[in-house]
């Protein structure tokens, strides 16, 4: 079960001290000692050994908040944008690429919200004809520290006013409390990364179980959120077919297909240097025991016939319950797309346009089927385990 992250110490950059969000976070953690630092980069460079404690860094973002997904060369990209509000994740999944990507091991939150919204407004206003799918889950889980930052409470109202953008909050948690005060009317997506419970227990031990995630998705769907699901990474293991088929069935037992904006599929992949990191940090993990081969991008991947078989099965199982739900592959070649779907779905139009259309379609279906007041946050009570997780 996911335990909420609470720091043992706060490092506060001098230049972030006067930010309103900084003060709000400090007020939520009055008992946690605070140490002032000039900046996190200099602090890390000066230290030979890093303290083994839970540290929360409150910092200023110097670069851009909004960035396009970097994609992977030679593979199809979905045209997604990331809003980098924080870095690092406390869930600590064995396969997480952040282990080998970040040089800062501490949970870091950027508090200069004025700069964030100025940048967003400038970009969205300058490109009114372009539709932006914007997520916050590239360098952290979107909701894992929302109980401290309350980022969702400022982001959701902003995106509800935008005619050419939608916010996607991607998570493995059940941290949905702050979301339930809003009536999003299909203008915000909450998406969950899923795996069968046997994999969650071994490879995602700090995350909620499958049923808890899907129950959180059910509650959000009832409030009027669009829902997404990501089987990424798909992990090949003995019994994978039974495990993943049941996980797919459970999705449609919890969430109406008309509110599922997309389901993505991505086979396990990671840079070669991560093999050593996984073995050292997660000795119980079995992901490094499978046969992996360098792909076109240099990342280790399953042999192509294995990936194609997994994708074909997943597409088949999803279609059995949700024939119109948009399915897409994450970072795969057009040849693998063709093998997975039995045709080339990208021939209709590019993947970015297909996903944009899926958003508009689900918004229309949701609004057409919604009774007045049906999505009120005052409807059903929040399940107890969401309040105490």
Protein backbone atom coordinates (compact mmCIF):
# COMPACT_ATOMS: atom_id res chain seq x y z
CA UNK A 1 0.00 0.00 0.00
CA UNK A 2 1.26 3.45 -0.88
CA UNK A 3 2.35 5.40 2.18
CA UNK A 4 2.25 9.15 1.83
CA UNK A 5 5.59 10.88 1.47
CA UNK A 6 6.49 13.12 4.40
CA UNK A 7 9.99 14.59 4.58
CA UNK A 8 12.33 14.38 7.55
CA UNK A 9 14.02 17.59 6.45
CA UNK A 10 13.27 20.45 4.04
CA UNK A 11 15.94 22.16 1.99
CA UNK A 12 14.80 25.62 0.98
CA UNK A 13 16.52 27.56 -1.79
CA UNK A 14 16.97 31.21 -0.85
CA UNK A 15 15.42 32.36 -4.12
CA UNK A 16 12.30 30.25 -3.51
CA UNK A 17 11.73 31.40 0.05
CA UNK A 18 9.25 34.19 -0.72
CA UNK A 19 7.10 32.23 -3.16
CA UNK A 20 3.51 31.84 -1.99
CA UNK A 21 3.52 28.12 -2.69
CA UNK A 22 6.68 27.70 -0.62
CA UNK A 23 4.98 29.26 2.38
CA UNK A 24 1.90 27.08 1.92
CA UNK A 25 3.98 23.89 1.91
CA UNK A 26 5.94 25.01 4.97
CA UNK A 27 2.68 25.71 6.78
CA UNK A 28 1.55 22.14 6.07
CA UNK A 29 4.78 20.78 7.59
CA UNK A 30 5.32 22.91 10.71
CA UNK A 31 7.28 20.22 12.59
CA UNK A 32 9.81 19.48 9.84
CA UNK A 33 13.21 21.20 10.22
CA UNK A 34 14.12 23.61 7.42
CA UNK A 35 17.64 24.27 6.17
CA UNK A 36 18.30 27.19 3.85
CA UNK A 37 20.55 26.58 0.84
CA UNK A 38 21.70 28.82 -1.98
CA UNK A 39 20.60 26.38 -4.72
CA UNK A 40 20.17 22.64 -5.03
CA UNK A 41 22.74 22.24 -7.83
CA UNK A 42 25.52 23.78 -5.78
CA UNK A 43 24.49 21.83 -2.70
CA UNK A 44 24.74 18.49 -4.49
CA UNK A 45 28.09 19.41 -6.06
CA UNK A 46 29.62 20.18 -2.66
CA UNK A 47 28.57 16.95 -0.96
CA UNK A 48 30.73 13.84 -1.04
CA UNK A 49 28.10 11.71 0.68
CA UNK A 50 24.37 12.35 0.60
CA UNK A 51 22.35 12.01 3.82
CA UNK A 52 20.16 8.92 3.98
CA UNK A 53 16.94 10.66 4.92
CA UNK A 54 13.78 11.83 3.24
CA UNK A 55 14.48 15.34 1.99
CA UNK A 56 12.03 17.69 0.29
CA UNK A 57 13.68 20.44 -1.76
CA UNK A 58 11.72 23.62 -2.44
CA UNK A 59 13.36 25.23 -5.44
CA UNK A 60 12.96 27.64 -8.31
CA UNK A 61 12.65 26.35 -11.87
CA UNK A 62 15.12 28.30 -14.02
CA UNK A 63 14.35 26.62 -17.31
CA UNK A 64 11.12 26.05 -19.16
CA UNK A 65 8.26 24.29 -17.43
CA UNK A 66 6.56 23.13 -20.65
CA UNK A 67 8.48 20.81 -22.96
CA UNK A 68 7.51 18.43 -25.78
CA UNK A 69 7.97 14.74 -25.16
CA UNK A 70 11.51 13.94 -26.33
CA UNK A 71 10.29 10.76 -27.99
CA UNK A 72 12.65 8.05 -29.14
CA UNK A 73 14.31 8.10 -32.52
CA UNK A 74 12.98 5.60 -35.07
CA UNK A 75 9.75 5.09 -33.11
CA UNK A 76 6.29 6.70 -33.32
CA UNK A 77 5.69 9.56 -30.86
CA UNK A 78 2.27 10.79 -29.68
CA UNK A 79 2.99 14.54 -29.65
CA UNK A 80 2.51 14.89 -25.89
CA UNK A 81 3.79 17.81 -23.79
CA UNK A 82 5.20 17.62 -20.28
CA UNK A 83 4.82 20.21 -17.55
CA UNK A 84 7.78 19.69 -15.23
CA UNK A 85 6.63 20.79 -11.77
CA UNK A 86 8.68 18.41 -9.66
CA UNK A 87 11.36 15.75 -9.94
CA UNK A 88 11.77 12.34 -8.33
CA UNK A 89 9.26 9.81 -7.08
CA UNK A 90 8.82 8.01 -3.77
CA UNK A 91 7.04 4.97 -5.26
CA UNK A 92 10.42 3.50 -6.28
CA UNK A 93 9.38 0.98 -8.95
CA UNK A 94 12.14 -1.41 -9.98
CA UNK A 95 11.94 -0.46 -13.67
CA UNK A 96 11.74 3.34 -13.18
CA UNK A 97 14.02 5.10 -15.64
CA UNK A 98 14.45 8.03 -13.22
CA UNK A 99 16.95 5.86 -11.30
CA UNK A 100 19.52 6.36 -14.01
CA UNK A 101 18.32 9.70 -15.34
CA UNK A 102 18.29 12.14 -12.44
CA UNK A 103 21.40 13.40 -10.66
CA UNK A 104 19.34 14.78 -7.77
CA UNK A 105 18.09 11.98 -5.46
CA UNK A 106 15.69 14.19 -3.50
CA UNK A 107 12.03 14.99 -4.00
CA UNK A 108 12.20 18.46 -5.53
CA UNK A 109 9.24 20.82 -6.01
CA UNK A 110 9.34 24.03 -8.05
CA UNK A 111 7.32 26.76 -6.39
CA UNK A 112 7.54 29.73 -8.80
CA UNK A 113 3.96 29.37 -9.99
CA UNK A 114 3.84 32.87 -11.45
CA UNK A 115 6.48 31.92 -14.00
CA UNK A 116 4.69 28.64 -14.69
CA UNK A 117 1.36 30.24 -15.57
CA UNK A 118 2.93 33.09 -17.51
CA UNK A 119 4.73 30.56 -19.70
CA UNK A 120 1.63 28.44 -20.20
CA UNK A 121 -0.60 31.39 -21.06
CA UNK A 122 1.96 32.73 -23.53
CA UNK A 123 2.29 29.40 -25.37
CA UNK A 124 -1.42 28.55 -25.44
CA UNK A 125 -2.44 32.04 -26.55
CA UNK A 126 0.19 32.15 -29.30
CA UNK A 127 -0.95 28.83 -30.80
CA UNK A 128 -4.73 28.85 -30.53
CA UNK A 129 -5.13 26.52 -33.52
CA UNK A 130 -3.00 23.82 -31.89
CA UNK A 131 -4.47 21.45 -29.29
CA UNK A 132 -2.11 20.62 -26.41
CA UNK A 133 -2.24 17.39 -24.43
CA UNK A 134 -0.19 18.29 -21.35
CA UNK A 135 0.85 15.91 -18.58
CA UNK A 136 2.78 16.35 -15.36
CA UNK A 137 4.14 12.83 -14.98
CA UNK A 138 7.47 12.80 -16.80
CA UNK A 139 9.88 13.27 -13.88
CA UNK A 140 7.55 12.35 -11.03
CA UNK A 141 4.16 10.79 -10.36
CA UNK A 142 1.52 13.49 -10.92
CA UNK A 143 -0.27 12.99 -7.59
CA UNK A 144 2.12 11.27 -5.19
CA UNK A 145 2.90 14.50 -3.27
CA UNK A 146 -0.30 16.39 -4.05
CA UNK A 147 -1.16 16.25 -0.33
CA UNK A 148 1.83 18.58 0.22
CA UNK A 149 1.85 20.73 -2.91
CA UNK A 150 -1.87 20.90 -3.78
CA UNK A 151 -0.66 21.50 -7.34
CA UNK A 152 -3.88 19.99 -8.71
CA UNK A 153 -5.92 22.72 -7.00
CA UNK A 154 -4.24 25.43 -9.08
CA UNK A 155 -3.72 23.49 -12.30
CA UNK A 156 -7.27 22.19 -12.76
CA UNK A 157 -9.02 25.60 -12.62
CA UNK A 158 -6.46 26.99 -15.07
CA UNK A 159 -6.98 24.19 -17.59
CA UNK A 160 -10.76 24.35 -17.29
CA UNK A 161 -10.50 27.82 -18.83
CA UNK A 162 -8.31 26.78 -21.78
CA UNK A 163 -10.04 26.10 -25.12
CA UNK A 164 -6.99 24.46 -26.71
CA UNK A 165 -5.45 22.30 -23.97
CA UNK A 166 -6.26 19.41 -21.68
CA UNK A 167 -4.46 18.40 -18.47
CA UNK A 168 -3.45 14.78 -17.92
CA UNK A 169 -2.59 13.71 -14.37
CA UNK A 170 -0.79 10.36 -14.56
CA UNK A 171 -0.38 8.33 -11.38
CA UNK A 172 -0.08 4.97 -9.66
CA UNK A 173 -1.55 6.35 -6.43
CA UNK A 174 -5.04 6.89 -5.02
CA UNK A 175 -4.27 10.51 -4.12
CA UNK A 176 -7.48 11.91 -5.57
CA UNK A 177 -8.81 13.87 -2.59
CA UNK A 178 -7.94 17.30 -3.96
CA UNK A 179 -9.53 16.47 -7.32
CA UNK A 180 -12.99 15.78 -5.97
CA UNK A 181 -13.89 19.42 -5.26
CA UNK A 182 -14.02 20.18 -9.00
CA UNK A 183 -16.55 19.43 -11.73
CA UNK A 184 -14.18 18.94 -14.68
CA UNK A 185 -16.87 18.06 -17.25
CA UNK A 186 -14.43 16.03 -19.29
CA UNK A 187 -11.75 18.73 -19.54
CA UNK A 188 -9.21 16.98 -17.31
CA UNK A 189 -7.84 13.44 -17.67
CA UNK A 190 -6.72 11.32 -14.72
CA UNK A 191 -4.78 8.28 -15.92
CA UNK A 192 -3.43 5.28 -14.10
CA UNK A 193 -0.42 3.12 -14.83
CA UNK A 194 -1.47 -0.51 -14.30
CA UNK A 195 -0.01 -3.98 -13.94
CA UNK A 196 -1.31 -7.30 -12.60
CA UNK A 197 -1.13 -7.62 -8.82
CA UNK A 198 1.64 -10.22 -8.88
CA UNK A 199 3.87 -7.70 -10.67
CA UNK A 200 2.78 -4.83 -8.44
CA UNK A 201 3.78 -6.83 -5.35
CA UNK A 202 7.28 -7.53 -6.69
CA UNK A 203 8.14 -4.61 -8.98
CA UNK A 204 5.98 -1.78 -7.51
CA UNK A 205 5.86 -2.69 -3.79
CA UNK A 206 5.31 0.90 -2.60
CA UNK A 207 2.29 1.42 -4.86
CA UNK A 208 -1.42 0.66 -4.26
CA UNK A 209 -2.81 -2.63 -5.54
CA UNK A 210 -4.71 -2.87 -8.81
CA UNK A 211 -8.17 -2.81 -7.22
CA UNK A 212 -7.43 0.35 -5.24
CA UNK A 213 -6.22 2.15 -8.37
CA UNK A 214 -9.29 1.11 -10.32
CA UNK A 215 -11.58 2.13 -7.47
CA UNK A 216 -9.95 5.57 -7.52
CA UNK A 217 -10.51 5.66 -11.28
CA UNK A 218 -14.18 4.78 -10.75
CA UNK A 219 -14.62 7.65 -8.29
CA UNK A 220 -12.93 10.11 -10.65
CA UNK A 221 -15.08 8.92 -13.54
CA UNK A 222 -18.21 9.55 -11.49
CA UNK A 223 -17.00 13.11 -10.85
CA UNK A 224 -16.77 13.75 -14.58
CA UNK A 225 -13.07 13.21 -15.27
CA UNK A 226 -11.91 11.52 -18.44
CA UNK A 227 -9.91 8.40 -17.58
CA UNK A 228 -6.79 6.96 -19.17
CA UNK A 229 -4.88 3.76 -18.53
CA UNK A 230 -1.29 2.84 -19.32
CA UNK A 231 0.08 -0.68 -19.43
CA UNK A 232 3.62 0.61 -19.63
CA UNK A 233 5.73 -1.30 -19.03
CA UNK A 234 4.16 -4.54 -20.13
CA UNK A 235 6.36 -7.17 -18.47
CA UNK A 236 6.77 -10.66 -19.87
CA UNK A 237 6.63 -13.26 -17.09
CA UNK A 238 5.24 -16.79 -16.60
CA UNK A 239 1.46 -16.43 -16.50
CA UNK A 240 1.44 -12.97 -18.07
CA UNK A 241 -1.55 -13.74 -20.29
CA UNK A 242 -3.84 -14.62 -17.41
CA UNK A 243 -2.62 -11.69 -15.31
CA UNK A 244 -3.00 -9.01 -17.96
CA UNK A 245 -6.30 -10.37 -19.30
CA UNK A 246 -7.85 -10.17 -15.85
CA UNK A 247 -6.46 -6.65 -15.35
CA UNK A 248 -8.16 -5.57 -18.59
CA UNK A 249 -11.45 -7.12 -17.51
CA UNK A 250 -11.25 -5.24 -14.22
CA UNK A 251 -10.87 -1.91 -16.02
CA UNK A 252 -14.26 -2.24 -17.67
CA UNK A 253 -15.90 -3.45 -14.46
CA UNK A 254 -14.95 -0.13 -12.86
CA UNK A 255 -15.03 2.55 -15.56
CA UNK A 256 -17.55 3.15 -18.41
CA UNK A 257 -15.83 2.76 -21.78
CA UNK A 258 -17.26 6.12 -22.95
CA UNK A 259 -15.01 7.87 -20.39
CA UNK A 260 -11.82 5.98 -21.24
CA UNK A 261 -9.99 8.42 -23.45
CA UNK A 262 -7.17 6.00 -24.28
CA UNK A 263 -5.26 2.91 -23.19
CA UNK A 264 -1.56 2.87 -24.04
CA UNK A 265 0.67 -0.18 -24.35
CA UNK A 266 4.43 -0.09 -23.99
CA UNK A 267 6.74 -3.07 -23.58
CA UNK A 268 9.49 -2.96 -20.95
CA UNK A 269 12.52 -1.02 -22.17
CA UNK A 270 15.41 0.72 -20.48
CA UNK A 271 18.96 1.96 -21.15
CA UNK A 272 21.63 -0.71 -20.86
CA UNK A 273 23.28 1.01 -17.90
CA UNK A 274 20.11 0.57 -15.86
CA UNK A 275 20.62 -3.18 -15.68
CA UNK A 276 23.27 -2.72 -12.97
CA UNK A 277 21.17 -0.17 -11.07
CA UNK A 278 18.15 -2.48 -10.95
CA UNK A 279 20.24 -5.42 -9.72
CA UNK A 280 21.78 -3.30 -6.94
CA UNK A 281 18.67 -1.45 -5.76
CA UNK A 282 16.03 -4.11 -6.38
CA UNK A 283 17.56 -7.55 -5.80
CA UNK A 284 14.06 -9.06 -5.63
CA UNK A 285 13.21 -7.86 -9.15
CA UNK A 286 13.05 -10.32 -12.02
CA UNK A 287 12.87 -7.87 -14.90
CA UNK A 288 16.61 -8.16 -15.57
CA UNK A 289 16.30 -11.94 -15.95
CA UNK A 290 14.44 -11.76 -19.26
CA UNK A 291 16.21 -11.80 -22.60
CA UNK A 292 16.60 -8.20 -23.73
CA UNK A 293 18.14 -6.91 -26.95
CA UNK A 294 19.24 -3.42 -28.05
CA UNK A 295 16.53 -1.68 -30.06
CA UNK A 296 16.89 0.99 -32.74
CA UNK A 297 17.25 3.59 -29.98
CA UNK A 298 19.90 1.63 -28.05
CA UNK A 299 17.50 0.74 -25.22
CA UNK A 300 17.17 -2.88 -24.16
CA UNK A 301 13.85 -4.36 -25.29
CA UNK A 302 12.16 -7.72 -25.58
CA UNK A 303 12.72 -9.60 -28.82
CA UNK A 304 10.28 -8.16 -31.36
CA UNK A 305 8.08 -11.31 -31.73
CA UNK A 306 7.50 -11.28 -27.96
CA UNK A 307 6.44 -7.62 -28.03
CA UNK A 308 4.16 -8.18 -31.00
CA UNK A 309 2.46 -11.14 -29.33
CA UNK A 310 1.86 -9.19 -26.12
CA UNK A 311 0.45 -6.23 -28.02
CA UNK A 312 -1.85 -8.43 -30.14
CA UNK A 313 -3.25 -10.14 -27.07
CA UNK A 314 -3.79 -6.86 -25.24
CA UNK A 315 -5.56 -5.29 -28.21
CA UNK A 316 -7.79 -8.37 -28.49
CA UNK A 317 -8.73 -8.31 -24.78
CA UNK A 318 -9.41 -4.60 -24.73
CA UNK A 319 -11.56 -4.83 -27.86
CA UNK A 320 -13.68 -7.57 -26.23
CA UNK A 321 -14.98 -5.06 -23.67
CA UNK A 322 -14.35 -1.66 -25.25
CA UNK A 323 -14.52 -1.92 -29.02
CA UNK A 324 -14.26 1.85 -29.54
CA UNK A 325 -11.63 2.69 -26.92
CA UNK A 326 -8.53 4.28 -28.44
CA UNK A 327 -5.47 2.03 -28.06
CA UNK A 328 -1.98 3.17 -28.94
CA UNK A 329 1.57 1.89 -28.62
CA UNK A 330 4.21 3.89 -26.83
CA UNK A 331 7.55 4.20 -28.61
CA UNK A 332 7.16 1.44 -31.16
CA UNK A 333 7.89 1.25 -34.89
CA UNK A 334 5.20 1.36 -37.61
CA UNK A 335 6.00 -2.30 -38.35
CA UNK A 336 5.13 -3.33 -34.79
CA UNK A 337 1.93 -1.25 -34.95
CA UNK A 338 0.88 -3.20 -38.05
CA UNK A 339 1.61 -6.54 -36.37
CA UNK A 340 -0.28 -5.54 -33.21
CA UNK A 341 -3.45 -4.28 -34.91
CA UNK A 342 -3.52 -6.45 -38.02
CA UNK A 343 -3.44 -3.30 -40.13
CA UNK A 344 -1.69 0.04 -40.09
CA UNK A 345 -3.93 2.35 -37.99
CA UNK A 346 -1.50 5.21 -38.48
CA UNK A 347 -2.42 5.30 -42.17
CA UNK A 348 -5.72 7.05 -41.31
CA UNK A 349 -3.90 10.01 -39.78
CA UNK A 350 -0.94 10.58 -37.46
CA UNK A 351 -1.02 9.44 -33.85
CA UNK A 352 -1.21 12.98 -32.37
CA UNK A 353 -4.34 13.74 -34.37
CA UNK A 354 -5.92 10.40 -33.40
CA UNK A 355 -5.39 11.12 -29.69
CA UNK A 356 -6.75 14.66 -30.04
CA UNK A 357 -9.86 13.23 -31.72
CA UNK A 358 -10.25 10.70 -28.90
CA UNK A 359 -10.32 13.54 -26.36
CA UNK A 360 -13.01 15.44 -28.28
CA UNK A 361 -15.09 12.28 -28.80
CA UNK A 362 -15.00 11.28 -25.11
CA UNK A 363 -15.87 14.83 -24.06
CA UNK A 364 -18.94 14.74 -26.29
CA UNK A 365 -20.06 11.29 -25.11
CA UNK A 366 -19.59 12.26 -21.48
CA UNK A 367 -21.50 15.54 -21.71
CA UNK A 368 -24.31 13.94 -23.71
CA UNK A 369 -24.81 11.24 -21.05
CA UNK A 370 -24.43 13.39 -17.94
CA UNK A 371 -27.50 14.29 -15.91
CA UNK A 372 -27.45 17.72 -14.20
CA UNK A 373 -25.63 17.37 -10.90
CA UNK A 374 -24.53 13.79 -11.59
CA UNK A 375 -20.86 14.70 -11.32
CA UNK A 376 -21.19 16.82 -8.22
CA UNK A 377 -18.35 16.22 -5.73
CA UNK A 378 -21.02 16.10 -3.06
CA UNK A 379 -22.43 12.88 -4.54
CA UNK A 380 -20.92 9.66 -3.22
CA UNK A 381 -18.67 9.58 -0.18
CA UNK A 382 -14.94 9.08 -0.63
CA UNK A 383 -13.97 5.47 0.21
CA UNK A 384 -12.22 5.27 3.57
CA UNK A 385 -8.95 3.82 2.25
CA UNK A 386 -8.47 6.87 0.01
CA UNK A 387 -8.61 9.11 3.08
CA UNK A 388 -6.04 7.14 5.06
CA UNK A 389 -3.64 5.91 2.38
